[in-house]
Amino acid sequence: MTTSTATIGTLGSAELEQDLGQLAALLHACVHAGASIGFIVPLTLEDAEKF
């Protein structure tokens, strides 16, 4: 059995700018997979980045 770990932390402005596309893609994928997180389909990647 393989286990994985996750780390939760805060991002500074440089890290946020660097990771914004990946974070928006994650939000987009969750919403389009049916996650109930306050957004509804259709959520565009552009809208996810704006959020």
C-alpha atoms as a PDB file:
ATOM      1  CA  MET A   1       0.000   0.000   0.000  1.00  0.00           C
ATOM      2  CA  THR A   2       1.297   3.430  -0.942  1.00  0.00           C
ATOM      3  CA  THR A   3       0.614   6.409   1.253  1.00  0.00           C
ATOM      4  CA  SER A   4       1.028  10.032   0.364  1.00  0.00           C
ATOM      5  CA  THR A   5       1.240  13.175   2.406  1.00  0.00           C
ATOM      6  CA  ALA A   6       0.137  16.717   1.829  1.00  0.00           C
ATOM      7  CA  THR A   7       1.422  19.931   3.287  1.00  0.00           C
ATOM      8  CA  ILE A   8      -0.780  22.954   3.819  1.00  0.00           C
ATOM      9  CA  GLY A   9       0.842  26.348   4.029  1.00  0.00           C
ATOM     10  CA  THR A  10       0.569  29.920   2.907  1.00  0.00           C
ATOM     11  CA  LEU A  11       1.868  31.360  -0.336  1.00  0.00           C
ATOM     12  CA  GLY A  12       3.683  34.623  -0.728  1.00  0.00           C
ATOM     13  CA  SER A  13       2.987  36.824  -3.731  1.00  0.00           C
ATOM     14  CA  ALA A  14       5.856  35.316  -5.745  1.00  0.00           C
ATOM     15  CA  GLU A  15       4.695  31.753  -5.079  1.00  0.00           C
ATOM     16  CA  LEU A  16       1.084  32.663  -5.820  1.00  0.00           C
ATOM     17  CA  GLU A  17       2.033  34.200  -9.149  1.00  0.00           C
ATOM     18  CA  GLN A  18       4.094  31.110  -9.997  1.00  0.00           C
ATOM     19  CA  ASP A  19       1.369  28.616  -9.005  1.00  0.00           C
ATOM     20  CA  LEU A  20      -1.781  30.520 -10.034  1.00  0.00           C
ATOM     21  CA  GLY A  21      -2.386  28.505 -13.203  1.00  0.00           C
ATOM     22  CA  GLN A  22      -2.127  25.186 -11.367  1.00  0.00           C
ATOM     23  CA  LEU A  23      -4.394  26.364  -8.541  1.00  0.00           C
ATOM     24  CA  ALA A  24      -6.988  27.623 -11.025  1.00  0.00           C
ATOM     25  CA  ALA A  25      -6.814  24.309 -12.909  1.00  0.00           C
ATOM     26  CA  LEU A  26      -7.381  22.427  -9.639  1.00  0.00           C
ATOM     27  CA  LEU A  27     -10.422  24.575  -8.788  1.00  0.00           C
ATOM     28  CA  HIS A  28     -11.752  24.140 -12.344  1.00  0.00           C
ATOM     29  CA  ALA A  29     -11.298  20.349 -12.235  1.00  0.00           C
ATOM     30  CA  CYS A  30     -13.002  20.032  -8.841  1.00  0.00           C
ATOM     31  CA  VAL A  31     -16.022  22.057  -9.937  1.00  0.00           C
ATOM     32  CA  HIS A  32     -16.378  20.150 -13.202  1.00  0.00           C
ATOM     33  CA  ALA A  33     -16.134  16.849 -11.304  1.00  0.00           C
ATOM     34  CA  GLY A  34     -19.132  17.856  -9.205  1.00  0.00           C
ATOM     35  CA  ALA A  35     -17.535  19.213  -6.032  1.00  0.00           C
ATOM     36  CA  SER A  36     -19.883  21.382  -4.018  1.00  0.00           C
ATOM     37  CA  ILE A  37     -17.536  24.237  -3.149  1.00  0.00           C
ATOM     38  CA  GLY A  38     -19.562  27.334  -3.983  1.00  0.00           C
ATOM     39  CA  PHE A  39     -19.026  27.361  -7.758  1.00  0.00           C
ATOM     40  CA  ILE A  40     -21.170  25.869 -10.504  1.00  0.00           C
ATOM     41  CA  VAL A  41     -20.547  24.650 -14.045  1.00  0.00           C
ATOM     42  CA  PRO A  42     -19.684  26.272 -16.363  1.00  0.00           C
ATOM     43  CA  LEU A  43     -16.656  27.673 -14.540  1.00  0.00           C
ATOM     44  CA  THR A  44     -13.966  28.776 -16.990  1.00  0.00           C
ATOM     45  CA  LEU A  45     -10.270  28.664 -16.194  1.00  0.00           C
ATOM     46  CA  GLU A  46     -10.257  32.454 -16.629  1.00  0.00           C
ATOM     47  CA  ASP A  47     -12.940  32.832 -13.964  1.00  0.00           C
ATOM     48  CA  ALA A  48     -11.077  30.442 -11.668  1.00  0.00           C
ATOM     49  CA  GLU A  49      -7.900  32.533 -12.016  1.00  0.00           C
ATOM     50  CA  LYS A  50      -9.832  35.728 -11.315  1.00  0.00           C
ATOM     51  CA  PHE A  51     -11.157  34.229  -8.100  1.00  0.00           C
END
